[in-house]
Amino acid sequence: MDALVDKYSRVVRWGILGGESGNTNLHKEDMAYTHNKKRKSIIEDGVISHVNDYGLDVEHREIFLFPREEYAYGAEEEMLEPGVEFTMANQFIKSLRLLTNLSNKDPILIHLKTCGGDWGEGLAMYQAIKACPNHITMLNYASARSMSSIILCAADYRAMMPYSSFMIHTGTDALTGTGTQVETEWEEFQKVNRIMYDIYLERLRESVKFEGWTDKKIENLLRKKMKEKEEVYFTAEESLEWNWADTIFGADGKYDWDSLTKG
């Protein structure tokens, strides 16, 4: 009740003392009050901890797809990023569904900064994005490589930071066990590669660069490049040419966040 009275009294003050008469000082005071109140509300409501702990900003409908630092491994002086793994996938899918349940019409912005990782977990994230009814914009900050390149392909609108990159390869697998187990794992590995090529082809066939090309011809080019280099990197500009991305965010030196999700 006190908060309501306070808000009402300020509205009255604005209407009587300021209004449209141009009381600039009062307007600045009111703006500062609103800013400080919002800042206090953000801290009290735990928005900061939600972003840091869960990678989720509900108010602005943003998800931060970053690795969880507590799961990094390796020597203390050389901490390694775990990349895409089950905790990231679990949290991401829950966050995505939460934002969709709050509104299945408003757009969602996903900030992507992670290396490759587990195929199964990454594929679950890819499918969650494809199944989402909201318009999804994904912004790549560093190197969308390996599994994270697959995840980026799922977004409706894919943006690259000017110095970010995109990398493809066939991945790695360790085949151990009995002869029958190795054969089974090899068969599964081939199925995984087939899915990977299908996902890449879905994007590449839309590129002007490959206009008139058959899927087979595009796939043969991909296989050739990956055989020659194992890991094939694309700059942000090359990613646009190949249709790995739709835009380079900030290419003109301006970063228009408001228009980013309207792509």
Protein backbone atom coordinates (compact mmCIF):
# COMPACT_ATOMS: atom_id res chain seq x y z
CA MET A 1 0.00 0.00 0.00
CA ASP A 2 2.84 2.40 0.88
CA ALA A 3 4.46 1.73 -2.50
CA LEU A 4 1.16 2.42 -4.25
CA VAL A 5 0.65 5.67 -2.36
CA ASP A 6 4.21 6.71 -3.11
CA LYS A 7 3.76 5.99 -6.83
CA TYR A 8 0.43 7.85 -6.88
CA SER A 9 1.86 10.89 -5.10
CA ARG A 10 4.66 11.12 -7.63
CA VAL A 11 2.21 10.94 -10.50
CA VAL A 12 0.21 13.78 -8.90
CA ARG A 13 3.38 15.83 -8.41
CA TRP A 14 4.28 15.29 -12.04
CA GLY A 15 0.79 16.25 -13.19
CA ILE A 16 0.56 19.38 -11.04
CA LEU A 17 4.12 20.64 -10.94
CA GLY A 18 5.54 19.28 -14.15
CA GLY A 19 2.99 17.99 -16.62
CA GLU A 20 3.63 19.18 -20.11
CA SER A 21 4.83 22.55 -18.92
CA GLY A 22 8.44 21.47 -19.26
CA ASN A 23 9.73 21.13 -15.69
CA THR A 24 13.01 19.54 -16.74
CA ASN A 25 14.46 19.20 -13.27
CA LEU A 26 11.43 17.34 -12.02
CA HIS A 27 11.49 15.12 -15.08
CA LYS A 28 15.15 14.23 -14.48
CA GLU A 29 14.42 13.59 -10.82
CA ASP A 30 11.52 11.32 -11.74
CA MET A 31 13.64 9.43 -14.27
CA ALA A 32 16.42 8.96 -11.73
CA TYR A 33 13.91 7.73 -9.18
CA THR A 34 12.50 5.21 -11.66
CA HIS A 35 16.00 4.01 -12.63
CA ASN A 36 17.12 3.55 -9.03
CA LYS A 37 13.89 1.79 -8.10
CA LYS A 38 14.24 -0.58 -11.05
CA ARG A 39 17.88 -1.23 -10.17
CA LYS A 40 16.90 -2.03 -6.58
CA SER A 41 14.08 -4.28 -7.82
CA ILE A 42 16.49 -6.18 -10.07
CA ILE A 43 18.80 -6.88 -7.14
CA GLU A 44 16.01 -7.76 -4.71
CA ASP A 45 14.20 -10.02 -7.20
CA GLY A 46 17.37 -12.03 -7.82
CA VAL A 47 17.62 -11.21 -11.52
CA ILE A 48 21.40 -10.99 -11.31
CA SER A 49 21.67 -14.40 -9.64
CA HIS A 50 19.26 -15.89 -12.18
CA VAL A 51 21.48 -14.72 -15.03
CA ASN A 52 24.67 -15.87 -13.34
CA ASP A 53 23.36 -19.16 -11.94
CA TYR A 54 20.89 -20.24 -14.60
CA GLY A 55 21.81 -18.16 -17.64
CA LEU A 56 18.27 -16.81 -17.84
CA ASP A 57 16.93 -13.26 -18.00
CA VAL A 58 13.15 -13.66 -17.89
CA GLU A 59 12.32 -9.95 -18.13
CA HIS A 60 14.25 -9.43 -21.38
CA ARG A 61 13.62 -12.99 -22.65
CA GLU A 62 17.29 -13.85 -23.05
CA ILE A 63 19.19 -17.09 -22.48
CA PHE A 64 22.94 -17.19 -21.98
CA LEU A 65 24.30 -20.40 -23.45
CA PHE A 66 27.64 -20.33 -21.66
CA PRO A 67 29.55 -23.21 -20.03
CA ARG A 68 29.16 -23.51 -16.28
CA GLU A 69 32.48 -22.54 -14.73
CA GLU A 70 32.13 -24.99 -11.83
CA TYR A 71 32.22 -27.87 -14.32
CA ALA A 72 35.45 -26.77 -15.99
CA TYR A 73 38.20 -29.32 -15.59
CA GLY A 74 41.96 -29.60 -15.92
CA ALA A 75 44.92 -28.20 -14.03
CA GLU A 76 44.22 -25.03 -12.08
CA GLU A 77 46.56 -22.99 -14.27
CA GLU A 78 44.94 -24.36 -17.45
CA MET A 79 41.21 -24.69 -16.86
CA LEU A 80 39.46 -26.32 -19.81
CA GLU A 81 35.94 -25.54 -20.94
CA PRO A 82 33.68 -28.63 -20.77
CA GLY A 83 31.57 -27.37 -23.68
CA VAL A 84 28.12 -28.78 -24.34
CA GLU A 85 27.20 -31.30 -21.66
CA PHE A 86 24.14 -32.59 -19.82
CA THR A 87 23.81 -29.83 -17.21
CA MET A 88 23.92 -27.17 -19.93
CA ALA A 89 21.34 -29.03 -22.01
CA ASN A 90 19.02 -29.63 -19.05
CA GLN A 91 19.07 -26.00 -17.93
CA PHE A 92 18.73 -24.68 -21.47
CA ILE A 93 15.67 -26.76 -22.35
CA LYS A 94 13.96 -25.79 -19.08
CA SER A 95 14.72 -22.10 -19.64
CA LEU A 96 13.50 -22.22 -23.23
CA ARG A 97 10.23 -23.87 -22.23
CA LEU A 98 9.75 -21.38 -19.39
CA LEU A 99 10.01 -18.42 -21.76
CA THR A 100 7.68 -20.11 -24.25
CA ASN A 101 5.10 -20.82 -21.55
CA LEU A 102 5.21 -17.18 -20.48
CA SER A 103 4.59 -16.12 -24.09
CA ASN A 104 4.68 -18.20 -27.25
CA LYS A 105 4.66 -15.09 -29.44
CA ASP A 106 7.43 -12.83 -28.11
CA PRO A 107 10.93 -13.41 -29.53
CA ILE A 108 13.81 -14.98 -27.60
CA LEU A 109 17.47 -14.01 -27.80
CA ILE A 110 20.10 -16.68 -27.13
CA HIS A 111 23.69 -15.64 -26.45
CA LEU A 112 26.01 -18.42 -27.67
CA LYS A 113 29.52 -18.74 -26.29
CA THR A 114 30.65 -22.32 -25.99
CA CYS A 115 32.94 -24.72 -27.76
CA GLY A 116 31.84 -28.13 -29.05
CA GLY A 117 30.81 -30.95 -26.79
CA ASP A 118 28.58 -33.96 -26.42
CA TRP A 119 26.64 -34.89 -29.54
CA GLY A 120 23.54 -36.29 -27.84
CA GLU A 121 23.14 -33.35 -25.46
CA GLY A 122 23.73 -30.83 -28.23
CA LEU A 123 21.23 -32.54 -30.50
CA ALA A 124 18.63 -32.34 -27.72
CA MET A 125 19.20 -28.59 -27.58
CA TYR A 126 19.01 -28.31 -31.38
CA GLN A 127 15.67 -30.10 -31.42
CA ALA A 128 14.32 -27.98 -28.55
CA ILE A 129 15.06 -24.84 -30.55
CA LYS A 130 13.52 -26.25 -33.75
CA ALA A 131 10.36 -27.20 -31.82
CA CYS A 132 10.05 -23.77 -30.17
CA PRO A 133 7.17 -21.67 -31.57
CA ASN A 134 8.90 -18.39 -30.69
CA HIS A 135 11.16 -16.57 -33.10
CA ILE A 136 14.70 -17.43 -31.98
CA THR A 137 17.66 -15.15 -32.58
CA MET A 138 21.08 -16.55 -31.67
CA LEU A 139 24.18 -14.40 -31.33
CA ASN A 140 27.55 -16.14 -31.61
CA TYR A 141 30.32 -14.44 -29.63
CA ALA A 142 33.39 -16.60 -30.20
CA SER A 143 33.70 -19.80 -32.23
CA ALA A 144 30.60 -21.81 -33.04
CA ARG A 145 32.46 -25.01 -33.62
CA SER A 146 31.66 -28.69 -33.73
CA MET A 147 28.48 -29.25 -31.68
CA SER A 148 27.84 -25.55 -31.12
CA SER A 149 27.86 -25.03 -34.90
CA ILE A 150 24.96 -27.49 -35.06
CA ILE A 151 23.11 -25.58 -32.33
CA LEU A 152 23.56 -22.27 -34.16
CA CYS A 153 21.98 -23.82 -37.28
CA ALA A 154 18.71 -24.32 -35.36
CA ALA A 155 17.99 -20.61 -34.82
CA ASP A 156 15.57 -18.64 -36.98
CA TYR A 157 17.99 -15.74 -37.19
CA ARG A 158 21.73 -16.31 -36.73
CA ALA A 159 24.05 -13.42 -35.91
CA MET A 160 27.83 -13.42 -35.70
CA MET A 161 30.01 -10.99 -33.82
CA PRO A 162 32.51 -9.37 -36.27
CA TYR A 163 35.48 -11.46 -35.14
CA SER A 164 33.65 -14.67 -34.32
CA SER A 165 33.99 -17.83 -36.41
CA PHE A 166 32.22 -21.02 -37.44
CA MET A 167 33.89 -24.45 -37.61
CA ILE A 168 32.78 -27.81 -38.96
CA HIS A 169 34.32 -31.26 -38.70
CA THR A 170 33.16 -34.85 -38.50
CA GLY A 171 33.80 -35.12 -34.78
CA THR A 172 35.67 -37.79 -32.89
CA ASP A 173 34.74 -41.07 -31.31
CA ALA A 174 36.58 -43.78 -29.40
CA LEU A 175 35.61 -47.29 -30.39
CA THR A 176 36.34 -49.88 -27.70
CA GLY A 177 34.89 -53.21 -26.60
CA THR A 178 34.24 -56.48 -28.37
CA GLY A 179 34.23 -56.74 -32.14
CA THR A 180 30.45 -56.65 -32.18
CA GLN A 181 30.38 -53.57 -29.95
CA VAL A 182 32.88 -51.77 -32.18
CA GLU A 183 30.79 -52.59 -35.25
CA THR A 184 27.67 -51.27 -33.51
CA GLU A 185 29.42 -48.07 -32.44
CA TRP A 186 30.75 -47.56 -35.97
CA GLU A 187 27.25 -47.92 -37.40
CA GLU A 188 25.98 -45.36 -34.90
CA PHE A 189 28.84 -43.01 -35.77
CA GLN A 190 27.81 -43.17 -39.44
CA LYS A 191 24.21 -42.34 -38.48
CA VAL A 192 25.42 -39.37 -36.47
CA ASN A 193 27.40 -38.11 -39.48
CA ARG A 194 24.33 -38.48 -41.67
CA ILE A 195 22.31 -36.29 -39.29
CA MET A 196 25.13 -33.74 -39.21
CA TYR A 197 25.26 -33.48 -43.00
CA ASP A 198 21.48 -33.20 -43.22
CA ILE A 199 21.49 -30.30 -40.73
CA TYR A 200 24.28 -28.51 -42.60
CA LEU A 201 22.64 -29.12 -45.99
CA GLU A 202 19.37 -27.61 -44.78
CA ARG A 203 21.21 -24.31 -44.36
CA LEU A 204 23.61 -24.47 -47.29
CA ARG A 205 20.99 -25.19 -49.93
CA GLU A 206 19.46 -21.78 -49.05
CA SER A 207 22.72 -19.99 -49.90
CA VAL A 208 23.10 -17.99 -53.12
CA LYS A 209 26.57 -19.49 -53.32
CA PHE A 210 25.07 -22.93 -53.99
CA GLU A 211 22.16 -21.87 -56.15
CA GLY A 212 21.49 -24.64 -58.68
CA TRP A 213 23.61 -27.18 -56.78
CA THR A 214 22.25 -30.57 -55.82
CA ASP A 215 22.48 -31.72 -52.20
CA LYS A 216 24.92 -34.41 -53.28
CA LYS A 217 27.24 -31.86 -54.88
CA ILE A 218 27.19 -29.65 -51.76
CA GLU A 219 27.80 -32.63 -49.49
CA ASN A 220 30.72 -33.79 -51.62
CA LEU A 221 32.27 -30.33 -51.25
CA LEU A 222 31.86 -30.49 -47.46
CA ARG A 223 33.39 -33.95 -47.31
CA LYS A 224 36.30 -32.83 -49.47
CA LYS A 225 37.03 -29.80 -47.31
CA MET A 226 36.81 -31.78 -44.06
CA LYS A 227 39.05 -34.49 -45.47
CA GLU A 228 41.66 -31.93 -46.47
CA LYS A 229 41.66 -29.93 -43.23
CA GLU A 230 39.81 -32.05 -40.66
CA GLU A 231 38.60 -28.82 -39.06
CA VAL A 232 37.25 -26.21 -41.48
CA TYR A 233 36.97 -22.65 -40.15
CA PHE A 234 34.90 -19.80 -41.57
CA THR A 235 35.23 -16.13 -40.67
CA ALA A 236 32.10 -14.11 -39.97
CA GLU A 237 32.14 -12.83 -43.55
CA GLU A 238 32.63 -16.33 -44.98
CA SER A 239 29.83 -17.58 -42.75
CA LEU A 240 27.48 -15.10 -44.39
CA GLU A 241 28.56 -16.25 -47.85
CA TRP A 242 27.95 -19.91 -47.02
CA ASN A 243 24.72 -19.16 -45.12
CA TRP A 244 26.01 -20.37 -41.77
CA ALA A 245 24.76 -16.98 -40.53
CA ASP A 246 22.26 -14.29 -41.51
CA THR A 247 24.06 -11.17 -40.33
CA ILE A 248 27.20 -9.80 -38.71
CA PHE A 249 26.13 -7.91 -35.60
CA GLY A 250 28.03 -4.65 -35.38
CA ALA A 251 29.65 -4.93 -38.80
CA ASP A 252 29.06 -1.21 -39.33
CA GLY A 253 30.42 -0.36 -35.89
CA LYS A 254 26.91 0.02 -34.49
CA TYR A 255 25.24 -2.51 -32.20
CA ASP A 256 21.48 -2.13 -32.45
CA TRP A 257 20.20 -4.50 -29.77
CA ASP A 258 16.58 -3.48 -30.25
CA SER A 259 16.50 -4.59 -33.88
CA LEU A 260 18.54 -7.76 -33.34
CA THR A 261 15.57 -9.89 -32.32
CA LYS A 262 13.47 -8.57 -35.21
CA GLY A 263 15.66 -10.21 -37.84
